[in-house]
Amino acid sequence: MRLPPRKGKRRREYRWLRSDGTPNLSDRIHRVPGDMEIIARKPAIQVSPSVPIANALKLMSENYRSLLVSVAGVLKGLLLATDLIDYLGGGDHFKIVEGRHRYNLFSALDRESVKSIMIHDPIVAYTDEKLPSVLEKMAVYGIGLLPVVYRDGRVYGVITEHDVLKHLYGVVELGVKISKVMSSPVVTIGSNSSVWDAMKKIIAYGFRRLPVVEENTVIGIVTAMDLIRFFSPSSVFKRATSSDIREVLKTSITEVASKNLVTVKPEDDLSEAVKKMFSKNVSSVLVVNDDMELVGIATERDVLYALTVKRA
């Protein structure tokens, strides 16, 4: 089951791929033991295709960035946080809210099912599949999460970049400065922007987080999960002053962004970034100079590829 990269997304991981579009995995990765039955996280959170968007938001707001859509335990689709952001204002799926629900927030959440916006036939990993094969799928398709299934399609669990990084950390040596791995320049959003602005930018660029800047200084960060929690029924219904979703979308991004920044310096060792990701339970660290000016960002994906891919 294959799904090409989505149109409109700028994939930063191209820098890790060879001219044929595949990653040149380090020989040591082929020696790392374990298949997906060992590495995958289980059980996975599953929902039926008919579950309302509101229910999916409530589940995902409990810190699940994906939901596996299944029928009788057999995988039918995948719902990511970014799919919900796309639907709620960030991308083309917002046309459903506009046309079918006439911008009515309550109708859009309660009367639309996940089947309308889920990824059909997602790329998967199999329980007997080895790590190099899964890493290649992640790199080629620019995805950080795969459902793990048996060969007959029954759901087993999920595998994420975070899971792989935890599996490799301590097995594969680091010994490289963050400046060599970080992504720069960074796509950011201004502090005077709205939630709607942030959602559109996340979908347009294909990133799950946006640093919030004010006069060249980073003051916060907004992630896909921050936006999911913002739109969870228990939160958004309290904020809504009318049924028109566009009113909610005008909320200042500073009301949603986290002020608890996890930062590193460019000259720090990559291991420092990994330690902070694990201890703070975040998927990225901001790379700043002494004046708190943003010079880069290091994500789990950046670290994972630095550990596993040979660079020319």
C-alpha atoms as a PDB file:
ATOM      1  CA  MET A   1       0.000   0.000   0.000  1.00  0.00           C
ATOM      2  CA  ARG A   2       1.777   3.097  -1.231  1.00  0.00           C
ATOM      3  CA  LEU A   3       0.951   6.744  -1.010  1.00  0.00           C
ATOM      4  CA  PRO A   4       3.063   9.364  -2.809  1.00  0.00           C
ATOM      5  CA  PRO A   5       4.158  12.490  -0.933  1.00  0.00           C
ATOM      6  CA  ARG A   6       1.343  14.995  -0.647  1.00  0.00           C
ATOM      7  CA  LYS A   7       1.342  17.916  -3.008  1.00  0.00           C
ATOM      8  CA  GLY A   8       2.326  21.295  -1.660  1.00  0.00           C
ATOM      9  CA  LYS A   9       4.571  20.040   1.112  1.00  0.00           C
ATOM     10  CA  ARG A  10       8.204  21.078   1.198  1.00  0.00           C
ATOM     11  CA  ARG A  11      10.157  18.088   2.363  1.00  0.00           C
ATOM     12  CA  ARG A  12      13.289  19.074   4.248  1.00  0.00           C
ATOM     13  CA  GLU A  13      14.494  15.441   4.283  1.00  0.00           C
ATOM     14  CA  TYR A  14      15.453  15.551   0.590  1.00  0.00           C
ATOM     15  CA  ARG A  15      18.947  16.433   1.808  1.00  0.00           C
ATOM     16  CA  TRP A  16      19.248  12.908   3.211  1.00  0.00           C
ATOM     17  CA  LEU A  17      18.339  11.137  -0.041  1.00  0.00           C
ATOM     18  CA  ARG A  18      20.492   9.940  -2.923  1.00  0.00           C
ATOM     19  CA  SER A  19      19.862  10.913  -6.527  1.00  0.00           C
ATOM     20  CA  ASP A  20      17.570   7.891  -6.927  1.00  0.00           C
ATOM     21  CA  GLY A  21      15.351   9.170  -4.104  1.00  0.00           C
ATOM     22  CA  THR A  22      16.357   6.562  -1.513  1.00  0.00           C
ATOM     23  CA  PRO A  23      18.423   6.958   1.676  1.00  0.00           C
ATOM     24  CA  ASN A  24      21.949   5.541   1.816  1.00  0.00           C
ATOM     25  CA  LEU A  25      21.607   3.802   5.171  1.00  0.00           C
ATOM     26  CA  SER A  26      24.705   3.246   7.256  1.00  0.00           C
ATOM     27  CA  ASP A  27      26.009  -0.328   7.376  1.00  0.00           C
ATOM     28  CA  ARG A  28      25.665  -0.337  11.161  1.00  0.00           C
ATOM     29  CA  ILE A  29      21.898   0.119  10.859  1.00  0.00           C
ATOM     30  CA  HIS A  30      21.650  -3.170   9.003  1.00  0.00           C
ATOM     31  CA  ARG A  31      23.266  -4.823  12.019  1.00  0.00           C
ATOM     32  CA  VAL A  32      20.800  -3.440  14.571  1.00  0.00           C
ATOM     33  CA  PRO A  33      18.632  -6.343  15.781  1.00  0.00           C
ATOM     34  CA  GLY A  34      14.853  -6.346  15.934  1.00  0.00           C
ATOM     35  CA  ASP A  35      11.830  -6.288  13.667  1.00  0.00           C
ATOM     36  CA  MET A  36       8.627  -4.301  14.047  1.00  0.00           C
ATOM     37  CA  GLU A  37       7.070  -6.886  16.345  1.00  0.00           C
ATOM     38  CA  ILE A  38       9.761  -5.936  18.865  1.00  0.00           C
ATOM     39  CA  ILE A  39      10.129  -2.199  18.210  1.00  0.00           C
ATOM     40  CA  ALA A  40       6.531  -1.125  17.505  1.00  0.00           C
ATOM     41  CA  ARG A  41       4.391   0.533  20.148  1.00  0.00           C
ATOM     42  CA  LYS A  42       1.194  -1.270  21.066  1.00  0.00           C
ATOM     43  CA  PRO A  43      -1.693  -1.282  21.476  1.00  0.00           C
ATOM     44  CA  ALA A  44      -2.563   1.368  18.922  1.00  0.00           C
ATOM     45  CA  ILE A  45      -5.601   3.594  19.430  1.00  0.00           C
ATOM     46  CA  GLN A  46      -8.238   2.516  16.918  1.00  0.00           C
ATOM     47  CA  VAL A  47     -11.501   4.115  15.803  1.00  0.00           C
ATOM     48  CA  SER A  48     -14.125   3.160  13.254  1.00  0.00           C
ATOM     49  CA  PRO A  49     -14.557   5.131  10.008  1.00  0.00           C
ATOM     50  CA  SER A  50     -17.933   6.413  11.241  1.00  0.00           C
ATOM     51  CA  VAL A  51     -16.586   8.104  14.381  1.00  0.00           C
ATOM     52  CA  PRO A  52     -17.419  11.853  14.430  1.00  0.00           C
ATOM     53  CA  ILE A  53     -14.594  14.370  14.077  1.00  0.00           C
ATOM     54  CA  ALA A  54     -15.398  15.655  17.583  1.00  0.00           C
ATOM     55  CA  ASN A  55     -14.689  12.233  19.098  1.00  0.00           C
ATOM     56  CA  ALA A  56     -11.430  11.949  17.179  1.00  0.00           C
ATOM     57  CA  LEU A  57     -10.342  15.372  18.432  1.00  0.00           C
ATOM     58  CA  LYS A  58     -11.160  14.418  22.003  1.00  0.00           C
ATOM     59  CA  LEU A  59      -9.117  11.209  21.737  1.00  0.00           C
ATOM     60  CA  MET A  60      -6.201  12.856  19.991  1.00  0.00           C
ATOM     61  CA  SER A  61      -6.096  15.717  22.499  1.00  0.00           C
ATOM     62  CA  GLU A  62      -5.084  13.133  25.104  1.00  0.00           C
ATOM     63  CA  ASN A  63      -1.653  13.183  23.402  1.00  0.00           C
ATOM     64  CA  TYR A  64      -2.132  10.776  20.524  1.00  0.00           C
ATOM     65  CA  ARG A  65      -0.893  12.277  17.266  1.00  0.00           C
ATOM     66  CA  SER A  66      -2.556   9.535  15.220  1.00  0.00           C
ATOM     67  CA  LEU A  67      -5.576   7.265  15.228  1.00  0.00           C
ATOM     68  CA  LEU A  68      -5.743   4.025  13.267  1.00  0.00           C
ATOM     69  CA  VAL A  69      -9.048   3.642  11.466  1.00  0.00           C
ATOM     70  CA  SER A  70     -10.139   0.010  11.418  1.00  0.00           C
ATOM     71  CA  VAL A  71     -13.086  -2.312  10.945  1.00  0.00           C
ATOM     72  CA  ALA A  72     -13.071  -5.552  12.960  1.00  0.00           C
ATOM     73  CA  GLY A  73      -9.380  -5.013  13.698  1.00  0.00           C
ATOM     74  CA  VAL A  74      -8.384  -4.659  10.030  1.00  0.00           C
ATOM     75  CA  LEU A  75      -6.720  -1.387   9.022  1.00  0.00           C
ATOM     76  CA  LYS A  76      -8.783   0.832   6.730  1.00  0.00           C
ATOM     77  CA  GLY A  77      -7.085   4.178   7.124  1.00  0.00           C
ATOM     78  CA  LEU A  78      -4.986   6.552   9.198  1.00  0.00           C
ATOM     79  CA  LEU A  79      -5.922   9.859  10.791  1.00  0.00           C
ATOM     80  CA  LEU A  80      -3.099  12.228  11.697  1.00  0.00           C
ATOM     81  CA  ALA A  81      -3.182  15.464  13.649  1.00  0.00           C
ATOM     82  CA  THR A  82      -2.335  17.282  10.432  1.00  0.00           C
ATOM     83  CA  ASP A  83      -5.401  15.775   8.720  1.00  0.00           C
ATOM     84  CA  LEU A  84      -7.589  17.410  11.354  1.00  0.00           C
ATOM     85  CA  ILE A  85      -5.711  20.700  10.999  1.00  0.00           C
ATOM     86  CA  ASP A  86      -6.234  20.504   7.244  1.00  0.00           C
ATOM     87  CA  TYR A  87      -9.971  19.986   7.755  1.00  0.00           C
ATOM     88  CA  LEU A  88     -10.420  22.693  10.387  1.00  0.00           C
ATOM     89  CA  GLY A  89      -8.926  25.485   8.289  1.00  0.00           C
ATOM     90  CA  GLY A  90      -5.418  24.654   7.137  1.00  0.00           C
ATOM     91  CA  GLY A  91      -5.971  23.011   3.773  1.00  0.00           C
ATOM     92  CA  ASP A  92      -8.241  21.709   1.052  1.00  0.00           C
ATOM     93  CA  HIS A  93     -10.403  19.646   3.414  1.00  0.00           C
ATOM     94  CA  PHE A  94     -11.689  22.931   4.840  1.00  0.00           C
ATOM     95  CA  LYS A  95     -13.884  23.057   1.728  1.00  0.00           C
ATOM     96  CA  ILE A  96     -16.032  20.406   3.437  1.00  0.00           C
ATOM     97  CA  VAL A  97     -16.580  22.761   6.378  1.00  0.00           C
ATOM     98  CA  GLU A  98     -17.318  25.596   3.973  1.00  0.00           C
ATOM     99  CA  GLY A  99     -19.645  23.736   1.606  1.00  0.00           C
ATOM    100  CA  ARG A 100     -21.338  21.010   3.613  1.00  0.00           C
ATOM    101  CA  HIS A 101     -21.447  22.718   7.011  1.00  0.00           C
ATOM    102  CA  ARG A 102     -21.519  26.395   5.954  1.00  0.00           C
ATOM    103  CA  TYR A 103     -18.742  27.217   8.431  1.00  0.00           C
ATOM    104  CA  ASN A 104     -20.808  25.899  11.345  1.00  0.00           C
ATOM    105  CA  LEU A 105     -18.303  24.734  13.950  1.00  0.00           C
ATOM    106  CA  PHE A 106     -20.684  22.453  15.814  1.00  0.00           C
ATOM    107  CA  SER A 107     -21.950  20.770  12.669  1.00  0.00           C
ATOM    108  CA  ALA A 108     -18.414  20.335  11.311  1.00  0.00           C
ATOM    109  CA  LEU A 109     -17.322  18.546  14.485  1.00  0.00           C
ATOM    110  CA  ASP A 110     -20.429  16.509  15.283  1.00  0.00           C
ATOM    111  CA  ARG A 111     -21.847  15.599  11.876  1.00  0.00           C
ATOM    112  CA  GLU A 112     -18.723  14.732   9.883  1.00  0.00           C
ATOM    113  CA  SER A 113     -16.959  11.386  10.290  1.00  0.00           C
ATOM    114  CA  VAL A 114     -13.254  10.619  10.115  1.00  0.00           C
ATOM    115  CA  LYS A 115     -13.835   8.652   6.905  1.00  0.00           C
ATOM    116  CA  SER A 116     -14.151  11.963   5.041  1.00  0.00           C
ATOM    117  CA  ILE A 117     -10.630  13.135   5.864  1.00  0.00           C
ATOM    118  CA  MET A 118      -8.579  10.044   6.794  1.00  0.00           C
ATOM    119  CA  ILE A 119      -5.705   8.741   4.690  1.00  0.00           C
ATOM    120  CA  HIS A 120      -7.020   5.758   2.763  1.00  0.00           C
ATOM    121  CA  ASP A 121      -4.617   2.833   2.187  1.00  0.00           C
ATOM    122  CA  PRO A 122      -1.729   4.377   4.166  1.00  0.00           C
ATOM    123  CA  ILE A 123       1.834   3.170   3.879  1.00  0.00           C
ATOM    124  CA  VAL A 124       2.368   0.493   6.522  1.00  0.00           C
ATOM    125  CA  ALA A 125       5.095  -1.515   8.201  1.00  0.00           C
ATOM    126  CA  TYR A 126       4.668  -5.238   8.719  1.00  0.00           C
ATOM    127  CA  THR A 127       5.333  -7.077  11.963  1.00  0.00           C
ATOM    128  CA  ASP A 128       8.099  -9.143  10.345  1.00  0.00           C
ATOM    129  CA  GLU A 129       9.685  -6.159   8.564  1.00  0.00           C
ATOM    130  CA  LYS A 130      13.224  -5.148   9.513  1.00  0.00           C
ATOM    131  CA  LEU A 131      14.290  -1.684  10.642  1.00  0.00           C
ATOM    132  CA  PRO A 132      16.226  -0.654   7.478  1.00  0.00           C
ATOM    133  CA  SER A 133      13.165  -1.260   5.315  1.00  0.00           C
ATOM    134  CA  VAL A 134      10.965   0.823   7.620  1.00  0.00           C
ATOM    135  CA  LEU A 135      13.523   3.646   7.766  1.00  0.00           C
ATOM    136  CA  GLU A 136      13.615   3.712   3.977  1.00  0.00           C
ATOM    137  CA  LYS A 137       9.829   4.088   3.828  1.00  0.00           C
ATOM    138  CA  MET A 138       9.948   6.934   6.335  1.00  0.00           C
ATOM    139  CA  ALA A 139      12.673   8.738   4.400  1.00  0.00           C
ATOM    140  CA  VAL A 140      11.335   8.219   0.885  1.00  0.00           C
ATOM    141  CA  TYR A 141       7.790   9.263   1.718  1.00  0.00           C
ATOM    142  CA  GLY A 142       8.650  11.883   4.333  1.00  0.00           C
ATOM    143  CA  ILE A 143       6.476  10.356   7.039  1.00  0.00           C
ATOM    144  CA  GLY A 144       7.211   9.932  10.718  1.00  0.00           C
ATOM    145  CA  LEU A 145       4.588   7.369  11.657  1.00  0.00           C
ATOM    146  CA  LEU A 146       3.523   4.045  10.173  1.00  0.00           C
ATOM    147  CA  PRO A 147       0.751   1.673  11.227  1.00  0.00           C
ATOM    148  CA  VAL A 148       2.200  -1.767  11.933  1.00  0.00           C
ATOM    149  CA  VAL A 149       0.060  -4.624  10.676  1.00  0.00           C
ATOM    150  CA  TYR A 150       0.172  -8.347  10.154  1.00  0.00           C
ATOM    151  CA  ARG A 151       0.381  -9.512   6.546  1.00  0.00           C
ATOM    152  CA  ASP A 152      -3.399  -9.987   6.484  1.00  0.00           C
ATOM    153  CA  GLY A 153      -3.977  -6.330   7.426  1.00  0.00           C
ATOM    154  CA  ARG A 154      -4.849  -6.828  11.084  1.00  0.00           C
ATOM    155  CA  VAL A 155      -3.608  -4.016  13.292  1.00  0.00           C
ATOM    156  CA  TYR A 156      -0.623  -4.717  15.552  1.00  0.00           C
ATOM    157  CA  GLY A 157       0.552  -1.245  16.608  1.00  0.00           C
ATOM    158  CA  VAL A 158       2.378   1.830  15.335  1.00  0.00           C
ATOM    159  CA  ILE A 159       5.999   2.785  14.780  1.00  0.00           C
ATOM    160  CA  THR A 160       7.167   6.400  14.965  1.00  0.00           C
ATOM    161  CA  GLU A 161      10.439   8.243  14.528  1.00  0.00           C
ATOM    162  CA  HIS A 162      10.436   8.645  18.305  1.00  0.00           C
ATOM    163  CA  ASP A 163      10.200   4.874  18.800  1.00  0.00           C
ATOM    164  CA  VAL A 164      13.065   4.228  16.377  1.00  0.00           C
ATOM    165  CA  LEU A 165      15.204   6.937  17.958  1.00  0.00           C
ATOM    166  CA  LYS A 166      14.714   5.410  21.412  1.00  0.00           C
ATOM    167  CA  HIS A 167      15.599   1.990  20.013  1.00  0.00           C
ATOM    168  CA  LEU A 168      18.810   3.279  18.419  1.00  0.00           C
ATOM    169  CA  TYR A 169      19.935   5.699  21.128  1.00  0.00           C
ATOM    170  CA  GLY A 170      22.858   4.119  22.934  1.00  0.00           C
ATOM    171  CA  VAL A 171      23.367   1.612  20.130  1.00  0.00           C
ATOM    172  CA  VAL A 172      24.529   4.116  17.520  1.00  0.00           C
ATOM    173  CA  GLU A 173      27.140   6.730  18.414  1.00  0.00           C
ATOM    174  CA  LEU A 174      26.471  10.450  18.062  1.00  0.00           C
ATOM    175  CA  GLY A 175      29.543  12.680  18.337  1.00  0.00           C
ATOM    176  CA  VAL A 176      28.371  15.461  16.014  1.00  0.00           C
ATOM    177  CA  LYS A 177      27.519  19.092  16.657  1.00  0.00           C
ATOM    178  CA  ILE A 178      23.915  20.216  16.411  1.00  0.00           C
ATOM    179  CA  SER A 179      24.896  22.836  13.824  1.00  0.00           C
ATOM    180  CA  LYS A 180      25.754  20.004  11.413  1.00  0.00           C
ATOM    181  CA  VAL A 181      22.323  18.413  11.716  1.00  0.00           C
ATOM    182  CA  MET A 182      19.847  21.216  12.379  1.00  0.00           C
ATOM    183  CA  SER A 183      17.519  22.590   9.721  1.00  0.00           C
ATOM    184  CA  SER A 184      18.088  26.224   8.826  1.00  0.00           C
ATOM    185  CA  PRO A 185      16.574  28.653   7.976  1.00  0.00           C
ATOM    186  CA  VAL A 186      13.476  27.884  10.012  1.00  0.00           C
ATOM    187  CA  VAL A 187       9.893  28.452   8.909  1.00  0.00           C
ATOM    188  CA  THR A 188       8.370  30.624  11.655  1.00  0.00           C
ATOM    189  CA  ILE A 189       5.214  32.561  12.377  1.00  0.00           C
ATOM    190  CA  GLY A 190       4.911  36.081  13.761  1.00  0.00           C
ATOM    191  CA  SER A 191       3.413  36.765  17.172  1.00  0.00           C
ATOM    192  CA  ASN A 192       0.713  38.925  15.574  1.00  0.00           C
ATOM    193  CA  SER A 193      -0.582  35.992  13.503  1.00  0.00           C
ATOM    194  CA  SER A 194      -3.785  34.035  14.021  1.00  0.00           C
ATOM    195  CA  VAL A 195      -4.499  30.365  14.621  1.00  0.00           C
ATOM    196  CA  TRP A 196      -5.759  30.232  11.042  1.00  0.00           C
ATOM    197  CA  ASP A 197      -2.439  31.611   9.750  1.00  0.00           C
ATOM    198  CA  ALA A 198      -0.536  28.936  11.658  1.00  0.00           C
ATOM    199  CA  MET A 199      -2.756  26.118  10.416  1.00  0.00           C
ATOM    200  CA  LYS A 200      -2.351  27.182   6.798  1.00  0.00           C
ATOM    201  CA  LYS A 201       1.410  27.373   7.200  1.00  0.00           C
ATOM    202  CA  ILE A 202       1.664  23.949   8.855  1.00  0.00           C
ATOM    203  CA  ILE A 203      -0.230  22.337   5.991  1.00  0.00           C
ATOM    204  CA  ALA A 204       1.559  24.314   3.264  1.00  0.00           C
ATOM    205  CA  TYR A 205       5.038  23.414   4.509  1.00  0.00           C
ATOM    206  CA  GLY A 206       4.317  19.994   5.968  1.00  0.00           C
ATOM    207  CA  PHE A 207       5.867  20.776   9.369  1.00  0.00           C
ATOM    208  CA  ARG A 208       4.313  19.841  12.709  1.00  0.00           C
ATOM    209  CA  ARG A 209       5.670  22.802  14.640  1.00  0.00           C
ATOM    210  CA  LEU A 210       6.228  26.523  14.098  1.00  0.00           C
ATOM    211  CA  PRO A 211       8.405  28.733  16.313  1.00  0.00           C
ATOM    212  CA  VAL A 212       6.662  32.002  17.194  1.00  0.00           C
ATOM    213  CA  VAL A 213       8.900  35.039  16.770  1.00  0.00           C
ATOM    214  CA  GLU A 214       8.711  38.681  17.754  1.00  0.00           C
ATOM    215  CA  GLU A 215      11.344  41.135  16.497  1.00  0.00           C
ATOM    216  CA  ASN A 216      13.694  38.260  15.541  1.00  0.00           C
ATOM    217  CA  THR A 217      13.435  36.711  19.005  1.00  0.00           C
ATOM    218  CA  VAL A 218      11.699  33.394  19.567  1.00  0.00           C
ATOM    219  CA  ILE A 219       8.983  33.712  22.222  1.00  0.00           C
ATOM    220  CA  GLY A 220       7.110  30.442  21.831  1.00  0.00           C
ATOM    221  CA  ILE A 221       6.332  27.444  19.692  1.00  0.00           C
ATOM    222  CA  VAL A 222       3.058  26.098  18.352  1.00  0.00           C
ATOM    223  CA  THR A 223       2.757  22.441  17.426  1.00  0.00           C
ATOM    224  CA  ALA A 224       0.140  20.375  15.664  1.00  0.00           C
ATOM    225  CA  MET A 225      -0.819  18.904  19.032  1.00  0.00           C
ATOM    226  CA  ASP A 226      -1.296  22.388  20.527  1.00  0.00           C
ATOM    227  CA  LEU A 227      -3.825  23.056  17.784  1.00  0.00           C
ATOM    228  CA  ILE A 228      -5.553  19.717  18.342  1.00  0.00           C
ATOM    229  CA  ARG A 229      -5.974  20.544  22.033  1.00  0.00           C
ATOM    230  CA  PHE A 230      -7.236  24.017  21.069  1.00  0.00           C
ATOM    231  CA  PHE A 231      -9.944  22.438  18.892  1.00  0.00           C
ATOM    232  CA  SER A 232     -10.885  19.644  21.285  1.00  0.00           C
ATOM    233  CA  PRO A 233     -14.607  19.985  22.111  1.00  0.00           C
ATOM    234  CA  SER A 234     -14.004  20.759  25.788  1.00  0.00           C
ATOM    235  CA  SER A 235     -11.799  23.699  24.799  1.00  0.00           C
ATOM    236  CA  VAL A 236     -13.169  25.134  21.579  1.00  0.00           C
ATOM    237  CA  PHE A 237     -16.824  25.193  22.660  1.00  0.00           C
ATOM    238  CA  LYS A 238     -15.860  27.394  25.607  1.00  0.00           C
ATOM    239  CA  ARG A 239     -14.024  29.801  23.321  1.00  0.00           C
ATOM    240  CA  ALA A 240     -16.654  29.993  20.598  1.00  0.00           C
ATOM    241  CA  THR A 241     -18.682  33.205  20.697  1.00  0.00           C
ATOM    242  CA  SER A 242     -20.751  32.059  17.719  1.00  0.00           C
ATOM    243  CA  SER A 243     -21.213  28.941  15.614  1.00  0.00           C
ATOM    244  CA  ASP A 244     -19.000  30.379  12.857  1.00  0.00           C
ATOM    245  CA  ILE A 245     -15.657  28.558  12.884  1.00  0.00           C
ATOM    246  CA  ARG A 246     -13.984  31.563  11.275  1.00  0.00           C
ATOM    247  CA  GLU A 247     -14.392  33.511  14.508  1.00  0.00           C
ATOM    248  CA  VAL A 248     -12.453  30.855  16.420  1.00  0.00           C
ATOM    249  CA  LEU A 249      -9.789  30.746  13.714  1.00  0.00           C
ATOM    250  CA  LYS A 250      -9.062  34.441  14.301  1.00  0.00           C
ATOM    251  CA  THR A 251      -7.725  33.660  17.802  1.00  0.00           C
ATOM    252  CA  SER A 252      -4.206  35.008  18.340  1.00  0.00           C
ATOM    253  CA  ILE A 253      -1.538  32.348  17.989  1.00  0.00           C
ATOM    254  CA  THR A 254       0.035  33.571  21.227  1.00  0.00           C
ATOM    255  CA  GLU A 255      -2.992  32.190  23.102  1.00  0.00           C
ATOM    256  CA  VAL A 256      -2.217  28.704  21.819  1.00  0.00           C
ATOM    257  CA  ALA A 257       1.572  28.603  21.581  1.00  0.00           C
ATOM    258  CA  SER A 258       3.665  27.152  24.376  1.00  0.00           C
ATOM    259  CA  LYS A 259       6.019  29.523  26.165  1.00  0.00           C
ATOM    260  CA  ASN A 260       8.066  26.648  27.618  1.00  0.00           C
ATOM    261  CA  LEU A 261      10.880  26.547  25.095  1.00  0.00           C
ATOM    262  CA  VAL A 262      13.363  23.691  24.889  1.00  0.00           C
ATOM    263  CA  THR A 263      16.551  25.148  23.453  1.00  0.00           C
ATOM    264  CA  VAL A 264      20.121  24.184  22.633  1.00  0.00           C
ATOM    265  CA  LYS A 265      23.140  25.991  21.209  1.00  0.00           C
ATOM    266  CA  PRO A 266      24.615  25.293  17.759  1.00  0.00           C
ATOM    267  CA  GLU A 267      27.899  24.095  19.270  1.00  0.00           C
ATOM    268  CA  ASP A 268      26.228  21.578  21.608  1.00  0.00           C
ATOM    269  CA  ASP A 269      26.668  17.880  20.909  1.00  0.00           C
ATOM    270  CA  LEU A 270      23.708  16.174  19.271  1.00  0.00           C
ATOM    271  CA  SER A 271      23.365  13.960  22.339  1.00  0.00           C
ATOM    272  CA  GLU A 272      22.280  17.049  24.300  1.00  0.00           C
ATOM    273  CA  ALA A 273      19.368  17.532  21.907  1.00  0.00           C
ATOM    274  CA  VAL A 274      18.323  13.892  22.238  1.00  0.00           C
ATOM    275  CA  LYS A 275      18.482  14.003  26.037  1.00  0.00           C
ATOM    276  CA  LYS A 276      16.272  17.091  26.117  1.00  0.00           C
ATOM    277  CA  MET A 277      13.783  15.570  23.682  1.00  0.00           C
ATOM    278  CA  PHE A 278      13.425  12.506  25.879  1.00  0.00           C
ATOM    279  CA  SER A 279      13.389  14.304  29.248  1.00  0.00           C
ATOM    280  CA  LYS A 280      10.968  17.040  28.128  1.00  0.00           C
ATOM    281  CA  ASN A 281       8.878  14.694  25.958  1.00  0.00           C
ATOM    282  CA  VAL A 282       9.156  16.915  22.882  1.00  0.00           C
ATOM    283  CA  SER A 283       9.873  16.075  19.262  1.00  0.00           C
ATOM    284  CA  SER A 284      12.174  19.019  18.535  1.00  0.00           C
ATOM    285  CA  VAL A 285      14.540  21.523  20.105  1.00  0.00           C
ATOM    286  CA  LEU A 286      15.083  25.112  19.041  1.00  0.00           C
ATOM    287  CA  VAL A 287      18.649  26.124  18.255  1.00  0.00           C
ATOM    288  CA  VAL A 288      19.302  29.658  19.489  1.00  0.00           C
ATOM    289  CA  ASN A 289      22.239  31.984  20.016  1.00  0.00           C
ATOM    290  CA  ASP A 290      23.032  33.871  23.221  1.00  0.00           C
ATOM    291  CA  ASP A 291      20.449  36.554  22.339  1.00  0.00           C
ATOM    292  CA  MET A 292      17.684  33.940  21.961  1.00  0.00           C
ATOM    293  CA  GLU A 293      17.638  34.551  18.226  1.00  0.00           C
ATOM    294  CA  LEU A 294      16.557  31.473  16.320  1.00  0.00           C
ATOM    295  CA  VAL A 295      19.295  29.990  14.128  1.00  0.00           C
ATOM    296  CA  GLY A 296      17.859  26.532  13.482  1.00  0.00           C
ATOM    297  CA  ILE A 297      15.682  23.665  14.632  1.00  0.00           C
ATOM    298  CA  ALA A 298      16.579  20.040  15.289  1.00  0.00           C
ATOM    299  CA  THR A 299      13.749  17.530  15.123  1.00  0.00           C
ATOM    300  CA  GLU A 300      13.566  13.824  15.855  1.00  0.00           C
ATOM    301  CA  ARG A 301      13.680  13.311  12.103  1.00  0.00           C
ATOM    302  CA  ASP A 302      16.887  15.324  11.769  1.00  0.00           C
ATOM    303  CA  VAL A 303      18.508  13.328  14.563  1.00  0.00           C
ATOM    304  CA  LEU A 304      17.263  10.001  13.250  1.00  0.00           C
ATOM    305  CA  TYR A 305      18.618  10.587   9.758  1.00  0.00           C
ATOM    306  CA  ALA A 306      21.905  11.872  11.159  1.00  0.00           C
ATOM    307  CA  LEU A 307      22.253   8.581  13.035  1.00  0.00           C
ATOM    308  CA  THR A 308      21.274   6.283  10.215  1.00  0.00           C
ATOM    309  CA  VAL A 309      22.113   7.823   6.842  1.00  0.00           C
ATOM    310  CA  LYS A 310      25.520   8.181   5.218  1.00  0.00           C
ATOM    311  CA  ARG A 311      26.131  11.718   4.076  1.00  0.00           C
ATOM    312  CA  ALA A 312      28.184  12.508   1.002  1.00  0.00           C
END
